[in-house]
Amino acid sequence: HQFEKVEMVTICTPEAALAEHERMTKCAEAVLERLGLPYRTIVLCTGDMGFGAQKTHDLEVWLPGQNTFREISSVSTCGQFQARRMNARYRPARSENGGGKPEFVATLNGSGLAVGRCLIAVLENGQEADGSVTLPSALVSYLGGKTRITAEGVLV
Protein backbone atom coordinates (compact mmCIF):
# COMPACT_ATOMS: atom_id res chain seq x y z
CA HIS A 1 0.00 0.00 0.00
CA GLN A 2 1.08 3.60 -0.54
CA PHE A 3 0.98 6.37 2.04
CA GLU A 4 2.50 9.78 2.73
CA LYS A 5 4.70 10.46 5.73
CA VAL A 6 7.34 12.81 7.05
CA GLU A 7 10.70 11.16 7.68
CA MET A 8 13.18 12.08 10.44
CA VAL A 9 16.87 11.19 10.04
CA THR A 10 19.80 11.82 12.39
CA ILE A 11 23.50 11.11 12.03
CA CYS A 12 25.42 11.44 15.28
CA THR A 13 28.21 9.95 17.36
CA PRO A 14 27.53 6.48 18.77
CA GLU A 15 27.68 7.92 22.30
CA ALA A 16 24.84 10.34 21.53
CA ALA A 17 22.58 7.80 19.76
CA LEU A 18 20.35 6.70 22.65
CA ALA A 19 19.70 10.26 23.83
CA GLU A 20 18.97 11.26 20.22
CA HIS A 21 16.56 8.32 19.91
CA GLU A 22 14.61 9.65 22.88
CA ARG A 23 14.64 13.19 21.44
CA MET A 24 13.32 12.01 18.07
CA THR A 25 10.56 10.01 19.79
CA LYS A 26 9.59 13.09 21.80
CA CYS A 27 9.38 15.15 18.56
CA ALA A 28 6.78 12.76 17.13
CA GLU A 29 4.96 12.62 20.49
CA ALA A 30 4.85 16.43 20.62
CA VAL A 31 2.90 16.59 17.35
CA LEU A 32 0.32 14.10 18.66
CA GLU A 33 0.06 16.01 21.94
CA ARG A 34 -0.45 19.35 20.15
CA LEU A 35 -3.21 17.73 18.10
CA GLY A 36 -4.78 16.42 21.32
CA LEU A 37 -4.76 12.84 20.03
CA PRO A 38 -4.70 9.90 22.45
CA TYR A 39 -1.62 7.78 21.79
CA ARG A 40 0.77 5.34 23.38
CA THR A 41 4.47 4.68 22.92
CA ILE A 42 5.71 1.11 22.92
CA VAL A 43 9.19 -0.41 22.75
CA LEU A 44 9.30 -3.17 20.15
CA CYS A 45 10.73 -6.58 20.92
CA THR A 46 13.64 -7.69 18.73
CA GLY A 47 11.41 -10.00 16.70
CA ASP A 48 9.29 -7.04 15.57
CA MET A 49 12.14 -4.63 14.78
CA GLY A 50 13.71 -4.01 11.39
CA PHE A 51 16.83 -5.98 10.44
CA GLY A 52 19.35 -3.23 11.25
CA ALA A 53 17.61 -1.68 14.26
CA GLN A 54 19.00 -1.80 17.79
CA LYS A 55 15.97 -0.20 19.44
CA THR A 56 12.59 0.88 18.07
CA HIS A 57 9.76 2.92 19.55
CA ASP A 58 6.36 2.72 17.87
CA LEU A 59 3.81 5.46 18.48
CA GLU A 60 0.23 4.28 18.16
CA VAL A 61 -2.76 6.60 17.92
CA TRP A 62 -6.28 5.74 19.11
CA LEU A 63 -8.79 5.26 16.27
CA PRO A 64 -12.32 5.15 17.75
CA GLY A 65 -13.84 3.86 14.50
CA GLN A 66 -11.67 0.75 14.76
CA ASN A 67 -11.75 0.66 18.57
CA THR A 68 -8.00 0.14 18.66
CA PHE A 69 -4.58 1.78 18.57
CA ARG A 70 -2.76 1.85 15.20
CA GLU A 71 0.87 2.64 14.44
CA ILE A 72 1.39 6.21 13.29
CA SER A 73 5.15 6.58 13.78
CA SER A 74 8.19 4.40 14.29
CA VAL A 75 11.59 5.65 15.49
CA SER A 76 14.68 3.42 15.35
CA THR A 77 18.34 3.65 16.22
CA CYS A 78 20.48 1.53 13.94
CA GLY A 79 23.77 2.14 15.72
CA GLN A 80 26.65 1.78 13.27
CA PHE A 81 24.90 -0.85 11.13
CA GLN A 82 23.95 1.47 8.25
CA ALA A 83 27.15 3.51 8.62
CA ARG A 84 29.31 0.42 8.16
CA ARG A 85 27.40 -0.53 5.02
CA MET A 86 27.94 2.92 3.49
CA ASN A 87 31.33 3.56 5.15
CA ALA A 88 30.11 6.78 6.83
CA ARG A 89 32.68 7.99 9.33
CA TYR A 90 33.60 11.07 11.30
CA ARG A 91 36.90 12.20 12.74
CA PRO A 92 36.65 13.02 16.47
CA ALA A 93 38.66 15.90 17.89
CA ARG A 94 42.11 15.04 19.13
CA SER A 95 42.41 14.46 22.88
CA GLU A 96 45.00 13.43 25.46
CA ASN A 97 44.29 9.82 24.49
CA GLY A 98 45.17 10.41 20.86
CA GLY A 99 41.84 10.64 19.07
CA GLY A 100 41.53 11.91 15.57
CA LYS A 101 41.12 8.40 14.14
CA PRO A 102 38.03 8.03 11.89
CA GLU A 103 35.10 6.25 13.54
CA PHE A 104 31.73 5.10 12.24
CA VAL A 105 28.76 7.40 12.87
CA ALA A 106 25.46 6.21 14.32
CA THR A 107 22.27 6.55 12.29
CA LEU A 108 18.68 6.94 13.45
CA ASN A 109 15.49 7.24 11.45
CA GLY A 110 11.83 7.56 12.11
CA SER A 111 8.58 8.46 10.51
CA GLY A 112 7.41 11.85 11.77
CA LEU A 113 3.78 10.76 11.37
CA ALA A 114 1.84 8.85 8.73
CA VAL A 115 -0.17 11.75 7.30
CA GLY A 116 -3.29 9.86 6.19
CA ARG A 117 -3.64 7.97 9.44
CA CYS A 118 -3.11 11.22 11.37
CA LEU A 119 -5.94 12.86 9.42
CA ILE A 120 -8.21 9.90 10.19
CA ALA A 121 -7.31 10.19 13.89
CA VAL A 122 -8.09 13.93 13.93
CA LEU A 123 -11.48 13.36 12.29
CA GLU A 124 -12.47 10.33 14.38
CA ASN A 125 -11.30 11.70 17.72
CA GLY A 126 -12.90 15.09 17.06
CA GLN A 127 -16.29 13.79 15.92
CA GLU A 128 -19.29 15.05 17.88
CA ALA A 129 -22.70 13.39 18.39
CA ASP A 130 -24.26 15.63 15.71
CA GLY A 131 -21.74 14.41 13.10
CA SER A 132 -19.63 17.57 13.16
CA VAL A 133 -15.90 17.47 13.89
CA THR A 134 -14.18 19.75 16.39
CA LEU A 135 -10.71 20.49 15.09
CA PRO A 136 -7.59 20.59 17.30
CA SER A 137 -6.74 24.10 18.48
CA ALA A 138 -3.23 23.65 17.01
CA LEU A 139 -4.78 23.71 13.51
CA VAL A 140 -7.08 26.72 13.92
CA SER A 141 -4.48 29.32 12.90
CA TYR A 142 -3.84 27.37 9.68
CA LEU A 143 -7.56 27.22 8.91
CA GLY A 144 -8.31 30.93 9.08
CA GLY A 145 -9.75 30.70 12.59
CA LYS A 146 -12.21 27.92 11.69
CA THR A 147 -12.73 25.41 14.49
CA ARG A 148 -15.20 22.84 13.17
CA ILE A 149 -16.30 20.85 10.17
CA THR A 150 -20.08 20.58 10.05
CA ALA A 151 -21.84 17.28 9.39
CA GLU A 152 -22.37 18.60 5.85
CA GLY A 153 -18.61 19.03 5.40
CA VAL A 154 -18.48 22.82 5.70
CA LEU A 155 -15.53 24.37 7.54
CA VAL A 156 -16.83 26.91 10.09
C-alpha atoms as a PDB file:
ATOM      1  CA  HIS A   1       0.000   0.000   0.000  1.00  0.00           C
ATOM      2  CA  GLN A   2       1.079   3.602  -0.544  1.00  0.00           C
ATOM      3  CA  PHE A   3       0.975   6.366   2.036  1.00  0.00           C
ATOM      4  CA  GLU A   4       2.500   9.777   2.726  1.00  0.00           C
ATOM      5  CA  LYS A   5       4.701  10.456   5.734  1.00  0.00           C
ATOM      6  CA  VAL A   6       7.341  12.808   7.052  1.00  0.00           C
ATOM      7  CA  GLU A   7      10.704  11.161   7.677  1.00  0.00           C
ATOM      8  CA  MET A   8      13.177  12.083  10.440  1.00  0.00           C
ATOM      9  CA  VAL A   9      16.873  11.194  10.043  1.00  0.00           C
ATOM     10  CA  THR A  10      19.802  11.818  12.387  1.00  0.00           C
ATOM     11  CA  ILE A  11      23.499  11.112  12.026  1.00  0.00           C
ATOM     12  CA  CYS A  12      25.423  11.444  15.283  1.00  0.00           C
ATOM     13  CA  THR A  13      28.211   9.947  17.355  1.00  0.00           C
ATOM     14  CA  PRO A  14      27.532   6.481  18.769  1.00  0.00           C
ATOM     15  CA  GLU A  15      27.678   7.921  22.301  1.00  0.00           C
ATOM     16  CA  ALA A  16      24.838  10.337  21.529  1.00  0.00           C
ATOM     17  CA  ALA A  17      22.583   7.803  19.762  1.00  0.00           C
ATOM     18  CA  LEU A  18      20.348   6.696  22.647  1.00  0.00           C
ATOM     19  CA  ALA A  19      19.703  10.261  23.827  1.00  0.00           C
ATOM     20  CA  GLU A  20      18.970  11.259  20.221  1.00  0.00           C
ATOM     21  CA  HIS A  21      16.560   8.324  19.912  1.00  0.00           C
ATOM     22  CA  GLU A  22      14.607   9.652  22.885  1.00  0.00           C
ATOM     23  CA  ARG A  23      14.643  13.192  21.439  1.00  0.00           C
ATOM     24  CA  MET A  24      13.316  12.008  18.071  1.00  0.00           C
ATOM     25  CA  THR A  25      10.559  10.007  19.785  1.00  0.00           C
ATOM     26  CA  LYS A  26       9.588  13.093  21.796  1.00  0.00           C
ATOM     27  CA  CYS A  27       9.385  15.148  18.561  1.00  0.00           C
ATOM     28  CA  ALA A  28       6.780  12.761  17.132  1.00  0.00           C
ATOM     29  CA  GLU A  29       4.959  12.616  20.491  1.00  0.00           C
ATOM     30  CA  ALA A  30       4.852  16.432  20.624  1.00  0.00           C
ATOM     31  CA  VAL A  31       2.904  16.588  17.353  1.00  0.00           C
ATOM     32  CA  LEU A  32       0.321  14.102  18.661  1.00  0.00           C
ATOM     33  CA  GLU A  33       0.058  16.014  21.938  1.00  0.00           C
ATOM     34  CA  ARG A  34      -0.451  19.354  20.146  1.00  0.00           C
ATOM     35  CA  LEU A  35      -3.210  17.727  18.095  1.00  0.00           C
ATOM     36  CA  GLY A  36      -4.779  16.416  21.316  1.00  0.00           C
ATOM     37  CA  LEU A  37      -4.758  12.842  20.034  1.00  0.00           C
ATOM     38  CA  PRO A  38      -4.696   9.902  22.449  1.00  0.00           C
ATOM     39  CA  TYR A  39      -1.617   7.780  21.791  1.00  0.00           C
ATOM     40  CA  ARG A  40       0.766   5.344  23.383  1.00  0.00           C
ATOM     41  CA  THR A  41       4.468   4.681  22.923  1.00  0.00           C
ATOM     42  CA  ILE A  42       5.712   1.106  22.918  1.00  0.00           C
ATOM     43  CA  VAL A  43       9.193  -0.415  22.752  1.00  0.00           C
ATOM     44  CA  LEU A  44       9.304  -3.170  20.150  1.00  0.00           C
ATOM     45  CA  CYS A  45      10.726  -6.578  20.924  1.00  0.00           C
ATOM     46  CA  THR A  46      13.635  -7.686  18.734  1.00  0.00           C
ATOM     47  CA  GLY A  47      11.415 -10.001  16.695  1.00  0.00           C
ATOM     48  CA  ASP A  48       9.291  -7.036  15.567  1.00  0.00           C
ATOM     49  CA  MET A  49      12.144  -4.634  14.776  1.00  0.00           C
ATOM     50  CA  GLY A  50      13.715  -4.006  11.392  1.00  0.00           C
ATOM     51  CA  PHE A  51      16.835  -5.976  10.444  1.00  0.00           C
ATOM     52  CA  GLY A  52      19.355  -3.234  11.249  1.00  0.00           C
ATOM     53  CA  ALA A  53      17.607  -1.677  14.255  1.00  0.00           C
ATOM     54  CA  GLN A  54      18.998  -1.803  17.788  1.00  0.00           C
ATOM     55  CA  LYS A  55      15.971  -0.198  19.438  1.00  0.00           C
ATOM     56  CA  THR A  56      12.592   0.876  18.074  1.00  0.00           C
ATOM     57  CA  HIS A  57       9.758   2.921  19.552  1.00  0.00           C
ATOM     58  CA  ASP A  58       6.358   2.724  17.868  1.00  0.00           C
ATOM     59  CA  LEU A  59       3.807   5.456  18.482  1.00  0.00           C
ATOM     60  CA  GLU A  60       0.234   4.278  18.163  1.00  0.00           C
ATOM     61  CA  VAL A  61      -2.764   6.595  17.920  1.00  0.00           C
ATOM     62  CA  TRP A  62      -6.276   5.738  19.110  1.00  0.00           C
ATOM     63  CA  LEU A  63      -8.787   5.263  16.269  1.00  0.00           C
ATOM     64  CA  PRO A  64     -12.321   5.149  17.750  1.00  0.00           C
ATOM     65  CA  GLY A  65     -13.843   3.856  14.500  1.00  0.00           C
ATOM     66  CA  GLN A  66     -11.672   0.746  14.759  1.00  0.00           C
ATOM     67  CA  ASN A  67     -11.751   0.663  18.573  1.00  0.00           C
ATOM     68  CA  THR A  68      -7.998   0.137  18.662  1.00  0.00           C
ATOM     69  CA  PHE A  69      -4.583   1.780  18.567  1.00  0.00           C
ATOM     70  CA  ARG A  70      -2.764   1.845  15.196  1.00  0.00           C
ATOM     71  CA  GLU A  71       0.866   2.643  14.439  1.00  0.00           C
ATOM     72  CA  ILE A  72       1.387   6.211  13.287  1.00  0.00           C
ATOM     73  CA  SER A  73       5.146   6.584  13.784  1.00  0.00           C
ATOM     74  CA  SER A  74       8.191   4.399  14.288  1.00  0.00           C
ATOM     75  CA  VAL A  75      11.592   5.652  15.485  1.00  0.00           C
ATOM     76  CA  SER A  76      14.683   3.419  15.347  1.00  0.00           C
ATOM     77  CA  THR A  77      18.337   3.648  16.222  1.00  0.00           C
ATOM     78  CA  CYS A  78      20.480   1.525  13.935  1.00  0.00           C
ATOM     79  CA  GLY A  79      23.771   2.138  15.722  1.00  0.00           C
ATOM     80  CA  GLN A  80      26.648   1.782  13.275  1.00  0.00           C
ATOM     81  CA  PHE A  81      24.901  -0.847  11.126  1.00  0.00           C
ATOM     82  CA  GLN A  82      23.948   1.472   8.245  1.00  0.00           C
ATOM     83  CA  ALA A  83      27.147   3.515   8.621  1.00  0.00           C
ATOM     84  CA  ARG A  84      29.307   0.416   8.162  1.00  0.00           C
ATOM     85  CA  ARG A  85      27.400  -0.530   5.018  1.00  0.00           C
ATOM     86  CA  MET A  86      27.941   2.924   3.493  1.00  0.00           C
ATOM     87  CA  ASN A  87      31.328   3.561   5.150  1.00  0.00           C
ATOM     88  CA  ALA A  88      30.106   6.782   6.828  1.00  0.00           C
ATOM     89  CA  ARG A  89      32.684   7.986   9.330  1.00  0.00           C
ATOM     90  CA  TYR A  90      33.599  11.070  11.296  1.00  0.00           C
ATOM     91  CA  ARG A  91      36.900  12.202  12.741  1.00  0.00           C
ATOM     92  CA  PRO A  92      36.649  13.017  16.466  1.00  0.00           C
ATOM     93  CA  ALA A  93      38.660  15.898  17.892  1.00  0.00           C
ATOM     94  CA  ARG A  94      42.114  15.035  19.133  1.00  0.00           C
ATOM     95  CA  SER A  95      42.408  14.463  22.877  1.00  0.00           C
ATOM     96  CA  GLU A  96      45.003  13.430  25.457  1.00  0.00           C
ATOM     97  CA  ASN A  97      44.289   9.820  24.491  1.00  0.00           C
ATOM     98  CA  GLY A  98      45.165  10.414  20.864  1.00  0.00           C
ATOM     99  CA  GLY A  99      41.835  10.640  19.073  1.00  0.00           C
ATOM    100  CA  GLY A 100      41.533  11.905  15.569  1.00  0.00           C
ATOM    101  CA  LYS A 101      41.115   8.399  14.141  1.00  0.00           C
ATOM    102  CA  PRO A 102      38.030   8.034  11.889  1.00  0.00           C
ATOM    103  CA  GLU A 103      35.103   6.250  13.543  1.00  0.00           C
ATOM    104  CA  PHE A 104      31.730   5.100  12.245  1.00  0.00           C
ATOM    105  CA  VAL A 105      28.758   7.398  12.869  1.00  0.00           C
ATOM    106  CA  ALA A 106      25.462   6.210  14.322  1.00  0.00           C
ATOM    107  CA  THR A 107      22.266   6.548  12.290  1.00  0.00           C
ATOM    108  CA  LEU A 108      18.680   6.943  13.445  1.00  0.00           C
ATOM    109  CA  ASN A 109      15.494   7.237  11.455  1.00  0.00           C
ATOM    110  CA  GLY A 110      11.835   7.556  12.108  1.00  0.00           C
ATOM    111  CA  SER A 111       8.583   8.464  10.513  1.00  0.00           C
ATOM    112  CA  GLY A 112       7.409  11.850  11.771  1.00  0.00           C
ATOM    113  CA  LEU A 113       3.783  10.756  11.368  1.00  0.00           C
ATOM    114  CA  ALA A 114       1.843   8.846   8.735  1.00  0.00           C
ATOM    115  CA  VAL A 115      -0.166  11.754   7.302  1.00  0.00           C
ATOM    116  CA  GLY A 116      -3.291   9.860   6.191  1.00  0.00           C
ATOM    117  CA  ARG A 117      -3.641   7.974   9.443  1.00  0.00           C
ATOM    118  CA  CYS A 118      -3.109  11.219  11.366  1.00  0.00           C
ATOM    119  CA  LEU A 119      -5.942  12.864   9.418  1.00  0.00           C
ATOM    120  CA  ILE A 120      -8.205   9.905  10.189  1.00  0.00           C
ATOM    121  CA  ALA A 121      -7.306  10.185  13.889  1.00  0.00           C
ATOM    122  CA  VAL A 122      -8.090  13.932  13.926  1.00  0.00           C
ATOM    123  CA  LEU A 123     -11.481  13.361  12.288  1.00  0.00           C
ATOM    124  CA  GLU A 124     -12.472  10.327  14.380  1.00  0.00           C
ATOM    125  CA  ASN A 125     -11.300  11.696  17.723  1.00  0.00           C
ATOM    126  CA  GLY A 126     -12.904  15.089  17.065  1.00  0.00           C
ATOM    127  CA  GLN A 127     -16.286  13.791  15.916  1.00  0.00           C
ATOM    128  CA  GLU A 128     -19.287  15.052  17.884  1.00  0.00           C
ATOM    129  CA  ALA A 129     -22.700  13.394  18.391  1.00  0.00           C
ATOM    130  CA  ASP A 130     -24.261  15.631  15.706  1.00  0.00           C
ATOM    131  CA  GLY A 131     -21.745  14.413  13.104  1.00  0.00           C
ATOM    132  CA  SER A 132     -19.626  17.566  13.157  1.00  0.00           C
ATOM    133  CA  VAL A 133     -15.897  17.465  13.895  1.00  0.00           C
ATOM    134  CA  THR A 134     -14.184  19.749  16.394  1.00  0.00           C
ATOM    135  CA  LEU A 135     -10.707  20.487  15.087  1.00  0.00           C
ATOM    136  CA  PRO A 136      -7.595  20.587  17.297  1.00  0.00           C
ATOM    137  CA  SER A 137      -6.738  24.098  18.477  1.00  0.00           C
ATOM    138  CA  ALA A 138      -3.234  23.655  17.011  1.00  0.00           C
ATOM    139  CA  LEU A 139      -4.784  23.707  13.514  1.00  0.00           C
ATOM    140  CA  VAL A 140      -7.081  26.720  13.922  1.00  0.00           C
ATOM    141  CA  SER A 141      -4.482  29.320  12.900  1.00  0.00           C
ATOM    142  CA  TYR A 142      -3.838  27.366   9.677  1.00  0.00           C
ATOM    143  CA  LEU A 143      -7.556  27.223   8.911  1.00  0.00           C
ATOM    144  CA  GLY A 144      -8.309  30.929   9.076  1.00  0.00           C
ATOM    145  CA  GLY A 145      -9.751  30.699  12.586  1.00  0.00           C
ATOM    146  CA  LYS A 146     -12.205  27.924  11.685  1.00  0.00           C
ATOM    147  CA  THR A 147     -12.733  25.415  14.495  1.00  0.00           C
ATOM    148  CA  ARG A 148     -15.200  22.838  13.170  1.00  0.00           C
ATOM    149  CA  ILE A 149     -16.299  20.849  10.173  1.00  0.00           C
ATOM    150  CA  THR A 150     -20.084  20.580  10.048  1.00  0.00           C
ATOM    151  CA  ALA A 151     -21.843  17.278   9.391  1.00  0.00           C
ATOM    152  CA  GLU A 152     -22.365  18.597   5.854  1.00  0.00           C
ATOM    153  CA  GLY A 153     -18.607  19.031   5.405  1.00  0.00           C
ATOM    154  CA  VAL A 154     -18.479  22.821   5.700  1.00  0.00           C
ATOM    155  CA  LEU A 155     -15.529  24.372   7.539  1.00  0.00           C
ATOM    156  CA  VAL A 156     -16.828  26.908  10.089  1.00  0.00           C
END
